[in-house]
Amino acid sequence: MFEKLKENKELWELFTRKEEYDLIFRDRYERFPYYLSSQRSIFEPRVSKFLLENGLKPQYPDGKKFAVCLTHDIDAVYPEKLYPIIGSIKALARKNLTETMKTPFSRICKKCNPCWNFRKIVELEAKYDAKSSFYFLALNPEETDFNYNIKDLESEMGFISDSGSEVGLHGGHESYNSLEDIKEKKSRLEKVLGKRVIGYRNHYLRFSVPNTWELLSKAGFKYDTTLGYPDCAGFRNGMCHPFRPFNLNEGRQIDIMELPLVIMDRSLLKDYMRLDVKKAWECTKYLIDTVERHNGVITILWHNNTCIEGETLKYYEKVLEYCASKNAWITSGEEIYNWWTSQIEPGI
């Protein structure tokens, strides 16, 4: 497949993300955002289309036409300090007396904490015969964005794993650029979980092409799912299928699989694109339909602290319902990795 793709210079450079080598400009988080990219047809998986036309024939369990890689980044488990006050006022305004009474205790009582919702997420997804990946931070207290101690979540991670979903690592701010940091956090998470982790996504989608892939491979990860733009949904390298990255500096394939990120809740609804619910749904539906047409895999990220009561939770369930109605295989990154390496890659 690589050799055929190399014949098309434009698509090869898109696939390998050549424009991200030796960057001069980045955003404030040292990321390469969509607004700096020369690749403007972000909503069309042009590389995947080319590969399908040249022999790629993906198949999925039970004859399903496409797959959904369902993921959650666990950035925070405890609400912000002012949430008990602000949340109570909002709940009272909605005339929700139950929430009004619970919210003041949200930072000290798990049952009153809307972000301590892992079991609710698993139960919701089970309604649609879905599994997912939960990527947990394993930060030290002195690190940026420390919100929870991974040891306090041992039982929750055990529940997730026992339910058939996956626990993976959500690398810290500096992990994307430090092999030592990645290994330390991977070891800490595995010690609490009691089993090996193979899946990864970096916090804030910080990523360096091709260096982060190389570091993750050396650290023993089997797949990554960071490669997506924070400021726009879509196909960052024209792919809607899992792939092995290629290191242009060394002229070789990297021993890790990428499940490219296509849709993130905060890209659509909050921090970046800032679409209203109607336009966000039109975008979401279009991307799901596009991946279905290309027999691909669409990776969706919904944070646990947006899977709480209200509009964003209803939106998430609408996504699940729509994908299930199209008979998609809705599962974790781990299961997609195992399937692709055993069923698809040997035939490529």
C-alpha atoms as a PDB file:
ATOM      1  CA  MET A   1       0.000   0.000   0.000  1.00  0.00           C
ATOM      2  CA  PHE A   2       2.810   2.428   0.869  1.00  0.00           C
ATOM      3  CA  GLU A   3       4.464   2.025  -2.511  1.00  0.00           C
ATOM      4  CA  LYS A   4       1.242   2.771  -4.378  1.00  0.00           C
ATOM      5  CA  LEU A   5       0.535   5.795  -2.201  1.00  0.00           C
ATOM      6  CA  LYS A   6       4.051   7.165  -2.739  1.00  0.00           C
ATOM      7  CA  GLU A   7       3.259   7.486  -6.440  1.00  0.00           C
ATOM      8  CA  ASN A   8       0.760  10.236  -5.576  1.00  0.00           C
ATOM      9  CA  LYS A   9       2.952  13.006  -4.153  1.00  0.00           C
ATOM     10  CA  GLU A  10       0.104  15.157  -2.820  1.00  0.00           C
ATOM     11  CA  LEU A  11      -1.600  12.310  -0.988  1.00  0.00           C
ATOM     12  CA  TRP A  12       1.672  10.898   0.298  1.00  0.00           C
ATOM     13  CA  GLU A  13       2.595  14.229   1.847  1.00  0.00           C
ATOM     14  CA  LEU A  14      -0.885  14.503   3.359  1.00  0.00           C
ATOM     15  CA  PHE A  15      -0.740  10.971   4.753  1.00  0.00           C
ATOM     16  CA  THR A  16       2.718  11.415   6.294  1.00  0.00           C
ATOM     17  CA  ARG A  17       1.920  14.953   7.523  1.00  0.00           C
ATOM     18  CA  LYS A  18       5.019  16.319   5.810  1.00  0.00           C
ATOM     19  CA  GLU A  19       4.021  19.911   6.546  1.00  0.00           C
ATOM     20  CA  GLU A  20       4.350  19.153  10.267  1.00  0.00           C
ATOM     21  CA  TYR A  21       8.062  18.367  10.041  1.00  0.00           C
ATOM     22  CA  ASP A  22      10.366  21.218  11.158  1.00  0.00           C
ATOM     23  CA  LEU A  23       7.532  23.518  12.225  1.00  0.00           C
ATOM     24  CA  ILE A  24       8.086  27.236  12.700  1.00  0.00           C
ATOM     25  CA  PHE A  25       4.655  28.174  14.061  1.00  0.00           C
ATOM     26  CA  ARG A  26       2.543  26.404  16.702  1.00  0.00           C
ATOM     27  CA  ASP A  27      -0.300  27.383  19.001  1.00  0.00           C
ATOM     28  CA  ARG A  28       0.089  28.228  22.689  1.00  0.00           C
ATOM     29  CA  TYR A  29       0.124  24.522  23.602  1.00  0.00           C
ATOM     30  CA  GLU A  30       2.900  23.821  21.082  1.00  0.00           C
ATOM     31  CA  ARG A  31       0.405  22.058  18.791  1.00  0.00           C
ATOM     32  CA  PHE A  32      -0.065  22.275  15.041  1.00  0.00           C
ATOM     33  CA  PRO A  33      -3.641  23.533  14.572  1.00  0.00           C
ATOM     34  CA  TYR A  34      -5.891  23.230  11.561  1.00  0.00           C
ATOM     35  CA  TYR A  35      -5.825  26.966  10.887  1.00  0.00           C
ATOM     36  CA  LEU A  36      -2.109  26.693  10.026  1.00  0.00           C
ATOM     37  CA  SER A  37      -2.541  23.726   7.702  1.00  0.00           C
ATOM     38  CA  SER A  38      -2.465  23.931   3.911  1.00  0.00           C
ATOM     39  CA  GLN A  39      -4.830  20.939   3.856  1.00  0.00           C
ATOM     40  CA  ARG A  40      -8.289  22.517   3.568  1.00  0.00           C
ATOM     41  CA  SER A  41     -10.501  19.561   2.543  1.00  0.00           C
ATOM     42  CA  ILE A  42     -10.611  18.391   6.150  1.00  0.00           C
ATOM     43  CA  PHE A  43     -13.993  16.678   5.912  1.00  0.00           C
ATOM     44  CA  GLU A  44     -13.015  14.310   3.102  1.00  0.00           C
ATOM     45  CA  PRO A  45     -10.804  11.244   3.807  1.00  0.00           C
ATOM     46  CA  ARG A  46      -8.919  11.536   0.515  1.00  0.00           C
ATOM     47  CA  VAL A  47      -6.133   9.116   1.398  1.00  0.00           C
ATOM     48  CA  SER A  48      -8.551   6.432   2.575  1.00  0.00           C
ATOM     49  CA  LYS A  49     -10.549   6.837  -0.628  1.00  0.00           C
ATOM     50  CA  PHE A  50      -7.370   6.327  -2.676  1.00  0.00           C
ATOM     51  CA  LEU A  51      -6.433   3.192  -0.716  1.00  0.00           C
ATOM     52  CA  LEU A  52      -9.909   1.732  -1.158  1.00  0.00           C
ATOM     53  CA  GLU A  53      -9.632   2.306  -4.903  1.00  0.00           C
ATOM     54  CA  ASN A  54      -6.301   0.491  -4.857  1.00  0.00           C
ATOM     55  CA  GLY A  55      -7.104  -2.678  -2.979  1.00  0.00           C
ATOM     56  CA  LEU A  56      -7.876  -1.933   0.676  1.00  0.00           C
ATOM     57  CA  LYS A  57     -10.848  -4.090   1.678  1.00  0.00           C
ATOM     58  CA  PRO A  58     -11.679  -3.595   5.366  1.00  0.00           C
ATOM     59  CA  GLN A  59     -14.163  -5.937   7.001  1.00  0.00           C
ATOM     60  CA  TYR A  60     -15.604  -5.906  10.500  1.00  0.00           C
ATOM     61  CA  PRO A  61     -17.184  -8.463  12.848  1.00  0.00           C
ATOM     62  CA  ASP A  62     -20.651  -9.787  12.020  1.00  0.00           C
ATOM     63  CA  GLY A  63     -20.571  -8.164   8.589  1.00  0.00           C
ATOM     64  CA  LYS A  64     -20.792  -4.622   9.954  1.00  0.00           C
ATOM     65  CA  LYS A  65     -19.951  -1.940   7.398  1.00  0.00           C
ATOM     66  CA  PHE A  66     -17.901   0.399   9.580  1.00  0.00           C
ATOM     67  CA  ALA A  67     -16.634   0.864  13.118  1.00  0.00           C
ATOM     68  CA  VAL A  68     -16.825   3.499  15.823  1.00  0.00           C
ATOM     69  CA  CYS A  69     -13.885   3.807  18.197  1.00  0.00           C
ATOM     70  CA  LEU A  70     -15.553   5.289  21.271  1.00  0.00           C
ATOM     71  CA  THR A  71     -13.248   7.092  23.703  1.00  0.00           C
ATOM     72  CA  HIS A  72     -13.226   9.205  26.868  1.00  0.00           C
ATOM     73  CA  ASP A  73     -10.392  11.361  28.219  1.00  0.00           C
ATOM     74  CA  ILE A  74     -10.567  11.548  32.001  1.00  0.00           C
ATOM     75  CA  ASP A  75      -9.187  15.035  32.603  1.00  0.00           C
ATOM     76  CA  ALA A  76     -11.057  15.668  35.828  1.00  0.00           C
ATOM     77  CA  VAL A  77     -12.870  13.597  38.417  1.00  0.00           C
ATOM     78  CA  TYR A  78     -13.582  16.377  40.898  1.00  0.00           C
ATOM     79  CA  PRO A  79     -15.599  19.469  39.856  1.00  0.00           C
ATOM     80  CA  GLU A  80     -14.097  22.950  39.991  1.00  0.00           C
ATOM     81  CA  LYS A  81     -14.090  24.689  43.375  1.00  0.00           C
ATOM     82  CA  LEU A  82     -16.972  27.016  42.543  1.00  0.00           C
ATOM     83  CA  TYR A  83     -19.140  24.256  41.040  1.00  0.00           C
ATOM     84  CA  PRO A  84     -21.072  23.526  44.280  1.00  0.00           C
ATOM     85  CA  ILE A  85     -22.310  27.129  44.305  1.00  0.00           C
ATOM     86  CA  ILE A  86     -22.751  27.761  40.578  1.00  0.00           C
ATOM     87  CA  GLY A  87     -24.165  24.281  39.946  1.00  0.00           C
ATOM     88  CA  SER A  88     -26.712  24.684  42.715  1.00  0.00           C
ATOM     89  CA  ILE A  89     -27.909  28.016  41.312  1.00  0.00           C
ATOM     90  CA  LYS A  90     -28.281  26.520  37.817  1.00  0.00           C
ATOM     91  CA  ALA A  91     -30.106  23.453  39.152  1.00  0.00           C
ATOM     92  CA  LEU A  92     -32.464  25.695  41.111  1.00  0.00           C
ATOM     93  CA  ALA A  93     -33.116  27.779  37.998  1.00  0.00           C
ATOM     94  CA  ARG A  94     -34.065  24.561  36.175  1.00  0.00           C
ATOM     95  CA  LYS A  95     -36.341  23.718  39.130  1.00  0.00           C
ATOM     96  CA  ASN A  96     -34.435  20.467  39.640  1.00  0.00           C
ATOM     97  CA  LEU A  97     -34.699  20.109  43.406  1.00  0.00           C
ATOM     98  CA  THR A  98     -32.793  16.813  43.545  1.00  0.00           C
ATOM     99  CA  GLU A  99     -29.758  18.314  41.830  1.00  0.00           C
ATOM    100  CA  THR A 100     -30.068  21.472  43.911  1.00  0.00           C
ATOM    101  CA  MET A 101     -29.731  19.407  47.070  1.00  0.00           C
ATOM    102  CA  LYS A 102     -26.924  17.166  45.787  1.00  0.00           C
ATOM    103  CA  THR A 103     -24.661  19.730  44.136  1.00  0.00           C
ATOM    104  CA  PRO A 104     -23.314  21.432  47.311  1.00  0.00           C
ATOM    105  CA  PHE A 105     -21.767  18.077  48.283  1.00  0.00           C
ATOM    106  CA  SER A 106     -20.334  17.273  44.836  1.00  0.00           C
ATOM    107  CA  ARG A 107     -16.681  17.692  45.845  1.00  0.00           C
ATOM    108  CA  ILE A 108     -16.878  15.505  48.944  1.00  0.00           C
ATOM    109  CA  CYS A 109     -19.434  12.820  48.062  1.00  0.00           C
ATOM    110  CA  LYS A 110     -18.967  10.441  45.109  1.00  0.00           C
ATOM    111  CA  LYS A 111     -22.710   9.863  44.747  1.00  0.00           C
ATOM    112  CA  CYS A 112     -23.235  13.624  44.422  1.00  0.00           C
ATOM    113  CA  ASN A 113     -20.300  14.119  42.049  1.00  0.00           C
ATOM    114  CA  PRO A 114     -21.445  14.388  38.395  1.00  0.00           C
ATOM    115  CA  CYS A 115     -17.914  13.632  37.140  1.00  0.00           C
ATOM    116  CA  TRP A 116     -17.693  10.334  39.048  1.00  0.00           C
ATOM    117  CA  ASN A 117     -19.818   8.817  36.319  1.00  0.00           C
ATOM    118  CA  PHE A 118     -17.779   5.961  34.818  1.00  0.00           C
ATOM    119  CA  ARG A 119     -20.352   3.294  35.641  1.00  0.00           C
ATOM    120  CA  LYS A 120     -23.173   5.442  34.259  1.00  0.00           C
ATOM    121  CA  ILE A 121     -21.248   5.877  31.000  1.00  0.00           C
ATOM    122  CA  VAL A 122     -20.608   2.128  30.726  1.00  0.00           C
ATOM    123  CA  GLU A 123     -24.280   1.391  31.443  1.00  0.00           C
ATOM    124  CA  LEU A 124     -25.455   3.955  28.873  1.00  0.00           C
ATOM    125  CA  GLU A 125     -23.173   2.512  26.198  1.00  0.00           C
ATOM    126  CA  ALA A 126     -24.324  -1.035  27.001  1.00  0.00           C
ATOM    127  CA  LYS A 127     -27.838   0.007  25.935  1.00  0.00           C
ATOM    128  CA  TYR A 128     -26.432   0.344  22.419  1.00  0.00           C
ATOM    129  CA  ASP A 129     -24.208  -2.756  22.578  1.00  0.00           C
ATOM    130  CA  ALA A 130     -21.192  -0.460  22.730  1.00  0.00           C
ATOM    131  CA  LYS A 131     -17.822  -0.576  24.473  1.00  0.00           C
ATOM    132  CA  SER A 132     -15.298   2.222  24.810  1.00  0.00           C
ATOM    133  CA  SER A 133     -11.824   3.298  25.896  1.00  0.00           C
ATOM    134  CA  PHE A 134     -11.220   5.409  29.013  1.00  0.00           C
ATOM    135  CA  TYR A 135      -7.865   7.201  29.025  1.00  0.00           C
ATOM    136  CA  PHE A 136      -6.768   8.172  32.558  1.00  0.00           C
ATOM    137  CA  LEU A 137      -4.178  10.737  33.583  1.00  0.00           C
ATOM    138  CA  ALA A 138      -1.509   9.393  35.936  1.00  0.00           C
ATOM    139  CA  LEU A 139      -0.112  12.723  37.125  1.00  0.00           C
ATOM    140  CA  ASN A 140       1.924  13.639  40.170  1.00  0.00           C
ATOM    141  CA  PRO A 141       0.361  16.273  42.486  1.00  0.00           C
ATOM    142  CA  GLU A 142       2.835  18.944  41.396  1.00  0.00           C
ATOM    143  CA  GLU A 143       2.061  18.566  37.683  1.00  0.00           C
ATOM    144  CA  THR A 144      -0.151  20.879  35.621  1.00  0.00           C
ATOM    145  CA  ASP A 145      -3.838  19.900  35.627  1.00  0.00           C
ATOM    146  CA  PHE A 146      -3.502  17.422  38.501  1.00  0.00           C
ATOM    147  CA  ASN A 147      -7.080  16.735  39.625  1.00  0.00           C
ATOM    148  CA  TYR A 148      -7.103  13.181  40.981  1.00  0.00           C
ATOM    149  CA  ASN A 149      -4.817  10.465  42.275  1.00  0.00           C
ATOM    150  CA  ILE A 150      -4.935   7.437  40.018  1.00  0.00           C
ATOM    151  CA  LYS A 151      -4.807   5.155  43.078  1.00  0.00           C
ATOM    152  CA  ASP A 152      -8.213   6.452  44.185  1.00  0.00           C
ATOM    153  CA  LEU A 153      -9.761   5.120  40.977  1.00  0.00           C
ATOM    154  CA  GLU A 154      -8.625   1.505  41.237  1.00  0.00           C
ATOM    155  CA  SER A 155     -12.132   0.109  41.725  1.00  0.00           C
ATOM    156  CA  GLU A 156     -13.583   2.260  38.932  1.00  0.00           C
ATOM    157  CA  MET A 157     -10.899   1.180  36.476  1.00  0.00           C
ATOM    158  CA  GLY A 158     -11.449  -2.426  37.517  1.00  0.00           C
ATOM    159  CA  PHE A 159     -15.160  -2.057  36.790  1.00  0.00           C
ATOM    160  CA  ILE A 160     -14.446  -0.558  33.369  1.00  0.00           C
ATOM    161  CA  SER A 161     -12.019  -3.331  32.475  1.00  0.00           C
ATOM    162  CA  ASP A 162     -14.292  -6.104  33.794  1.00  0.00           C
ATOM    163  CA  SER A 163     -17.196  -4.698  31.764  1.00  0.00           C
ATOM    164  CA  GLY A 164     -15.278  -5.281  28.519  1.00  0.00           C
ATOM    165  CA  SER A 165     -14.268  -1.678  27.924  1.00  0.00           C
ATOM    166  CA  GLU A 166     -10.642  -0.526  27.966  1.00  0.00           C
ATOM    167  CA  VAL A 167      -8.434   1.471  30.297  1.00  0.00           C
ATOM    168  CA  GLY A 168      -5.622   3.357  28.575  1.00  0.00           C
ATOM    169  CA  LEU A 169      -3.186   6.158  29.389  1.00  0.00           C
ATOM    170  CA  HIS A 170      -3.888   9.850  28.947  1.00  0.00           C
ATOM    171  CA  GLY A 171      -0.370  11.282  28.822  1.00  0.00           C
ATOM    172  CA  GLY A 172       0.396  14.511  30.687  1.00  0.00           C
ATOM    173  CA  HIS A 173       1.345  17.859  29.169  1.00  0.00           C
ATOM    174  CA  GLU A 174       4.983  16.875  28.603  1.00  0.00           C
ATOM    175  CA  SER A 175       4.534  13.178  27.840  1.00  0.00           C
ATOM    176  CA  TYR A 176       4.293  13.642  24.087  1.00  0.00           C
ATOM    177  CA  ASN A 177       7.910  14.791  24.044  1.00  0.00           C
ATOM    178  CA  SER A 178       9.507  12.661  26.796  1.00  0.00           C
ATOM    179  CA  LEU A 179      10.111   8.917  26.724  1.00  0.00           C
ATOM    180  CA  GLU A 180      10.974   8.934  30.433  1.00  0.00           C
ATOM    181  CA  ASP A 181       7.694  10.649  31.312  1.00  0.00           C
ATOM    182  CA  ILE A 182       5.626   8.305  29.140  1.00  0.00           C
ATOM    183  CA  LYS A 183       7.225   5.222  30.678  1.00  0.00           C
ATOM    184  CA  GLU A 184       6.776   6.528  34.225  1.00  0.00           C
ATOM    185  CA  LYS A 185       3.079   7.252  33.741  1.00  0.00           C
ATOM    186  CA  LYS A 186       2.464   3.986  31.918  1.00  0.00           C
ATOM    187  CA  SER A 187       4.091   2.072  34.770  1.00  0.00           C
ATOM    188  CA  ARG A 188       2.073   3.960  37.402  1.00  0.00           C
ATOM    189  CA  LEU A 189      -1.224   3.270  35.642  1.00  0.00           C
ATOM    190  CA  GLU A 190      -0.417  -0.409  35.052  1.00  0.00           C
ATOM    191  CA  LYS A 191       0.533  -0.871  38.695  1.00  0.00           C
ATOM    192  CA  VAL A 192      -2.873   0.372  39.857  1.00  0.00           C
ATOM    193  CA  LEU A 193      -4.821  -1.386  37.102  1.00  0.00           C
ATOM    194  CA  GLY A 194      -2.955  -4.662  37.520  1.00  0.00           C
ATOM    195  CA  LYS A 195      -2.569  -5.284  33.801  1.00  0.00           C
ATOM    196  CA  ARG A 196      -0.766  -3.958  30.747  1.00  0.00           C
ATOM    197  CA  VAL A 197      -2.171  -0.968  28.857  1.00  0.00           C
ATOM    198  CA  ILE A 198      -1.728  -0.672  25.096  1.00  0.00           C
ATOM    199  CA  GLY A 199      -3.738   2.444  24.174  1.00  0.00           C
ATOM    200  CA  TYR A 200      -2.776   6.106  24.439  1.00  0.00           C
ATOM    201  CA  ARG A 201      -3.922   9.657  23.858  1.00  0.00           C
ATOM    202  CA  ASN A 202      -2.028  12.755  24.958  1.00  0.00           C
ATOM    203  CA  HIS A 203      -3.556  15.468  27.101  1.00  0.00           C
ATOM    204  CA  TYR A 204      -4.637  18.558  25.129  1.00  0.00           C
ATOM    205  CA  LEU A 205      -3.898  16.545  21.964  1.00  0.00           C
ATOM    206  CA  ARG A 206      -0.253  17.621  22.213  1.00  0.00           C
ATOM    207  CA  PHE A 207       1.637  15.732  19.535  1.00  0.00           C
ATOM    208  CA  SER A 208       4.812  15.991  17.478  1.00  0.00           C
ATOM    209  CA  VAL A 209       5.070  14.293  14.072  1.00  0.00           C
ATOM    210  CA  PRO A 210       6.809  11.831  13.843  1.00  0.00           C
ATOM    211  CA  ASN A 211       8.555  11.991  17.224  1.00  0.00           C
ATOM    212  CA  THR A 212       5.608  11.172  19.489  1.00  0.00           C
ATOM    213  CA  TRP A 213       4.848   8.005  17.517  1.00  0.00           C
ATOM    214  CA  GLU A 214       8.459   6.902  17.915  1.00  0.00           C
ATOM    215  CA  LEU A 215       8.384   7.515  21.678  1.00  0.00           C
ATOM    216  CA  LEU A 216       5.113   5.638  22.116  1.00  0.00           C
ATOM    217  CA  SER A 217       6.461   2.689  20.171  1.00  0.00           C
ATOM    218  CA  LYS A 218       9.577   2.586  22.352  1.00  0.00           C
ATOM    219  CA  ALA A 219       7.424   2.798  25.484  1.00  0.00           C
ATOM    220  CA  GLY A 220       5.523  -0.334  24.454  1.00  0.00           C
ATOM    221  CA  PHE A 221       2.196   1.099  23.347  1.00  0.00           C
ATOM    222  CA  LYS A 222       0.419  -0.688  20.512  1.00  0.00           C
ATOM    223  CA  TYR A 223      -1.782   2.157  19.337  1.00  0.00           C
ATOM    224  CA  ASP A 224      -2.313   5.902  19.672  1.00  0.00           C
ATOM    225  CA  THR A 225      -5.385   7.997  19.036  1.00  0.00           C
ATOM    226  CA  THR A 226      -4.121  11.568  19.440  1.00  0.00           C
ATOM    227  CA  LEU A 227      -3.842  12.534  15.768  1.00  0.00           C
ATOM    228  CA  GLY A 228      -6.728  14.935  15.330  1.00  0.00           C
ATOM    229  CA  TYR A 229      -7.011  18.709  15.276  1.00  0.00           C
ATOM    230  CA  PRO A 230      -8.158  20.372  18.499  1.00  0.00           C
ATOM    231  CA  ASP A 231      -9.682  23.298  16.597  1.00  0.00           C
ATOM    232  CA  CYS A 232     -11.601  21.380  13.939  1.00  0.00           C
ATOM    233  CA  ALA A 233     -13.256  18.010  13.455  1.00  0.00           C
ATOM    234  CA  GLY A 234     -12.268  15.937  10.441  1.00  0.00           C
ATOM    235  CA  PHE A 235      -9.496  13.860   8.922  1.00  0.00           C
ATOM    236  CA  ARG A 236      -6.108  15.362   9.791  1.00  0.00           C
ATOM    237  CA  ASN A 237      -4.108  13.178   7.410  1.00  0.00           C
ATOM    238  CA  GLY A 238      -6.900  12.184   5.044  1.00  0.00           C
ATOM    239  CA  MET A 239      -7.391   8.813   6.740  1.00  0.00           C
ATOM    240  CA  CYS A 240     -10.512   7.251   8.221  1.00  0.00           C
ATOM    241  CA  HIS A 241      -8.834   3.873   8.721  1.00  0.00           C
ATOM    242  CA  PRO A 242      -6.218   2.670  11.215  1.00  0.00           C
ATOM    243  CA  PHE A 243      -2.714   2.978   9.815  1.00  0.00           C
ATOM    244  CA  ARG A 244       0.986   2.557  10.572  1.00  0.00           C
ATOM    245  CA  PRO A 245       2.728   5.971  10.456  1.00  0.00           C
ATOM    246  CA  PHE A 246       5.752   6.545   8.231  1.00  0.00           C
ATOM    247  CA  ASN A 247       8.872   8.396   9.417  1.00  0.00           C
ATOM    248  CA  LEU A 248      10.057  10.550   6.505  1.00  0.00           C
ATOM    249  CA  ASN A 249      13.333  11.363   8.250  1.00  0.00           C
ATOM    250  CA  GLU A 250      14.330   7.713   8.460  1.00  0.00           C
ATOM    251  CA  GLY A 251      12.390   6.346   5.483  1.00  0.00           C
ATOM    252  CA  ARG A 252      10.596   3.613   7.402  1.00  0.00           C
ATOM    253  CA  GLN A 253       7.309   2.607   8.978  1.00  0.00           C
ATOM    254  CA  ILE A 254       6.874   3.151  12.716  1.00  0.00           C
ATOM    255  CA  ASP A 255       5.860   0.182  14.833  1.00  0.00           C
ATOM    256  CA  ILE A 256       2.627   1.584  16.227  1.00  0.00           C
ATOM    257  CA  MET A 257      -0.930   1.903  14.941  1.00  0.00           C
ATOM    258  CA  GLU A 258      -2.738   5.234  14.736  1.00  0.00           C
ATOM    259  CA  LEU A 259      -6.518   5.398  15.160  1.00  0.00           C
ATOM    260  CA  PRO A 260      -6.951   9.018  14.044  1.00  0.00           C
ATOM    261  CA  LEU A 261      -9.277  11.201  16.080  1.00  0.00           C
ATOM    262  CA  VAL A 262     -12.163  12.604  14.026  1.00  0.00           C
ATOM    263  CA  ILE A 263     -14.689  14.131  16.454  1.00  0.00           C
ATOM    264  CA  MET A 264     -14.103  15.713  19.879  1.00  0.00           C
ATOM    265  CA  ASP A 265     -16.917  17.170  21.961  1.00  0.00           C
ATOM    266  CA  ARG A 266     -14.984  20.327  22.854  1.00  0.00           C
ATOM    267  CA  SER A 267     -14.001  20.992  19.260  1.00  0.00           C
ATOM    268  CA  LEU A 268     -17.621  21.048  18.142  1.00  0.00           C
ATOM    269  CA  LEU A 269     -19.517  22.571  21.017  1.00  0.00           C
ATOM    270  CA  LYS A 270     -17.306  24.573  23.342  1.00  0.00           C
ATOM    271  CA  ASP A 271     -13.755  25.717  22.913  1.00  0.00           C
ATOM    272  CA  TYR A 272     -13.023  25.877  19.187  1.00  0.00           C
ATOM    273  CA  MET A 273     -15.631  25.559  16.424  1.00  0.00           C
ATOM    274  CA  ARG A 274     -18.353  26.749  18.817  1.00  0.00           C
ATOM    275  CA  LEU A 275     -21.208  25.415  16.740  1.00  0.00           C
ATOM    276  CA  ASP A 276     -24.734  25.487  18.017  1.00  0.00           C
ATOM    277  CA  VAL A 277     -26.309  22.106  18.660  1.00  0.00           C
ATOM    278  CA  LYS A 278     -28.055  21.949  15.279  1.00  0.00           C
ATOM    279  CA  LYS A 279     -24.930  22.711  13.230  1.00  0.00           C
ATOM    280  CA  ALA A 280     -22.775  20.473  15.443  1.00  0.00           C
ATOM    281  CA  TRP A 281     -25.149  17.588  14.782  1.00  0.00           C
ATOM    282  CA  GLU A 282     -25.088  18.232  11.030  1.00  0.00           C
ATOM    283  CA  CYS A 283     -21.284  18.076  11.141  1.00  0.00           C
ATOM    284  CA  THR A 284     -21.290  14.945  13.323  1.00  0.00           C
ATOM    285  CA  LYS A 285     -23.827  13.161  11.132  1.00  0.00           C
ATOM    286  CA  TYR A 286     -21.917  14.073   7.970  1.00  0.00           C
ATOM    287  CA  LEU A 287     -18.659  12.672   9.334  1.00  0.00           C
ATOM    288  CA  ILE A 288     -20.300   9.442  10.535  1.00  0.00           C
ATOM    289  CA  ASP A 289     -22.004   8.981   7.157  1.00  0.00           C
ATOM    290  CA  THR A 290     -18.721   9.688   5.351  1.00  0.00           C
ATOM    291  CA  VAL A 291     -16.851   7.050   7.353  1.00  0.00           C
ATOM    292  CA  GLU A 292     -19.666   4.580   6.720  1.00  0.00           C
ATOM    293  CA  ARG A 293     -19.373   5.159   2.947  1.00  0.00           C
ATOM    294  CA  HIS A 294     -15.641   4.439   3.153  1.00  0.00           C
ATOM    295  CA  ASN A 295     -16.026   1.345   5.381  1.00  0.00           C
ATOM    296  CA  GLY A 296     -13.799   3.097   7.875  1.00  0.00           C
ATOM    297  CA  VAL A 297     -13.304   3.673  11.583  1.00  0.00           C
ATOM    298  CA  ILE A 298     -14.468   6.921  13.174  1.00  0.00           C
ATOM    299  CA  THR A 299     -12.846   7.800  16.498  1.00  0.00           C
ATOM    300  CA  ILE A 300     -15.055   9.892  18.772  1.00  0.00           C
ATOM    301  CA  LEU A 301     -13.927  11.582  21.991  1.00  0.00           C
ATOM    302  CA  TRP A 302     -16.440  12.545  24.669  1.00  0.00           C
ATOM    303  CA  HIS A 303     -14.964  13.648  28.012  1.00  0.00           C
ATOM    304  CA  ASN A 304     -16.450  12.214  31.194  1.00  0.00           C
ATOM    305  CA  ASN A 305     -17.116  15.712  32.518  1.00  0.00           C
ATOM    306  CA  THR A 306     -19.300  16.484  29.508  1.00  0.00           C
ATOM    307  CA  CYS A 307     -21.186  13.192  29.918  1.00  0.00           C
ATOM    308  CA  ILE A 308     -23.238  14.686  32.744  1.00  0.00           C
ATOM    309  CA  GLU A 309     -26.849  15.760  33.008  1.00  0.00           C
ATOM    310  CA  GLY A 310     -28.000  18.199  30.345  1.00  0.00           C
ATOM    311  CA  GLU A 311     -27.655  18.933  26.669  1.00  0.00           C
ATOM    312  CA  THR A 312     -24.183  17.435  26.143  1.00  0.00           C
ATOM    313  CA  LEU A 313     -25.228  14.092  27.630  1.00  0.00           C
ATOM    314  CA  LYS A 314     -28.311  14.014  25.401  1.00  0.00           C
ATOM    315  CA  TYR A 315     -26.094  14.851  22.436  1.00  0.00           C
ATOM    316  CA  TYR A 316     -23.745  11.987  23.282  1.00  0.00           C
ATOM    317  CA  GLU A 317     -26.621   9.525  23.520  1.00  0.00           C
ATOM    318  CA  LYS A 318     -27.901  10.803  20.180  1.00  0.00           C
ATOM    319  CA  VAL A 319     -24.502   9.938  18.664  1.00  0.00           C
ATOM    320  CA  LEU A 320     -24.684   6.430  20.157  1.00  0.00           C
ATOM    321  CA  GLU A 321     -28.246   5.962  18.951  1.00  0.00           C
ATOM    322  CA  TYR A 322     -27.407   7.102  15.414  1.00  0.00           C
ATOM    323  CA  CYS A 323     -24.347   4.866  15.111  1.00  0.00           C
ATOM    324  CA  ALA A 324     -26.282   1.897  16.488  1.00  0.00           C
ATOM    325  CA  SER A 325     -29.111   2.536  14.013  1.00  0.00           C
ATOM    326  CA  LYS A 326     -26.566   2.228  11.194  1.00  0.00           C
ATOM    327  CA  ASN A 327     -25.414  -1.131  12.601  1.00  0.00           C
ATOM    328  CA  ALA A 328     -21.889   0.098  13.333  1.00  0.00           C
ATOM    329  CA  TRP A 329     -19.396  -1.887  15.384  1.00  0.00           C
ATOM    330  CA  ILE A 330     -19.085   0.423  18.398  1.00  0.00           C
ATOM    331  CA  THR A 331     -16.115  -0.576  20.475  1.00  0.00           C
ATOM    332  CA  SER A 332     -12.815   0.293  22.143  1.00  0.00           C
ATOM    333  CA  GLY A 333      -9.491   1.159  20.584  1.00  0.00           C
ATOM    334  CA  GLU A 334      -8.052  -2.067  21.969  1.00  0.00           C
ATOM    335  CA  GLU A 335     -10.616  -4.235  20.182  1.00  0.00           C
ATOM    336  CA  ILE A 336     -10.165  -2.348  16.929  1.00  0.00           C
ATOM    337  CA  TYR A 337      -6.384  -2.726  17.201  1.00  0.00           C
ATOM    338  CA  ASN A 338      -6.684  -6.475  17.824  1.00  0.00           C
ATOM    339  CA  TRP A 339      -9.122  -6.937  14.950  1.00  0.00           C
ATOM    340  CA  TRP A 340      -7.160  -4.853  12.457  1.00  0.00           C
ATOM    341  CA  THR A 341      -3.824  -6.520  13.180  1.00  0.00           C
ATOM    342  CA  SER A 342      -5.249 -10.023  12.990  1.00  0.00           C
ATOM    343  CA  GLN A 343      -7.793  -9.665  10.170  1.00  0.00           C
ATOM    344  CA  ILE A 344      -6.855  -6.721   7.947  1.00  0.00           C
ATOM    345  CA  GLU A 345      -3.114  -6.076   8.073  1.00  0.00           C
ATOM    346  CA  PRO A 346      -2.081  -9.622   7.048  1.00  0.00           C
ATOM    347  CA  GLY A 347      -3.988  -9.119   3.793  1.00  0.00           C
ATOM    348  CA  ILE A 348      -2.667  -5.637   2.989  1.00  0.00           C
END
